């Protein structure tokens, strides 16, 4: 599924291609083409970006799909034909004729969404391999301190983790405003402070103390329990 092909050299180390799945990418794009609605593109666009495709022309096609659907148009072989005819990068893969190949690779809407997640996951693997390879190269050398190398590696891994739509990263205000209001109302009706003290009595009585969601909104990074205490 991952298309990781080992190549055993006679005397050298084993070489492997980066994780990718061209057929999954084609099936996803084909599924978008033949779907009457926009459920597939709406589902995958929440986490998938053009740069996540291993085959660059597929990323260009996906961007064209996003552009079309973003202005309310349908993304299919007809609407994309002009885009293919005017894009030199896509002409090299067959131009408009390649659309028929993609449409023939189409799968059901449910499977297309799963393929979208697969394409995204394989991109994360490639990013992980790239960051680990760079870290290994730095570790073999003597130009940087070990702590500096570790910091760079942690930052690279954090970037891959934060890219996951389901983990970490920024959170829409709409997702936290409801729970925050609920906590404020609960705190206002409580007789004692239920959150972390701000050190200001009147504010504590109104808010009931700072809640975890308050810390996320105010600081963007501070975790519950990490707020400094007054001396």
Foldseek 3Di string as FASTA:
>chain_A
DQQWDWDDDPPDDIDTDQGADVLLLLQLLLQLAPDPDCVLVVLLVLQDALVLHPDNVSSVLNVVCCVQVVVPHRDHLVVCLVVQVPDPVNVVVPGSVVRVVSNVSYDHSVSSNVSSVVSNVSSLRNLLVVLVVVLVVVVVDDPDDPVVSVVSSVVSNVVSQCSGSVGDHDDDPVVCVVVQVVQQVVLQPDPAQPAADPVDVVVCNRRSYDDQSNCCVPPVDDGGPRDDDDD
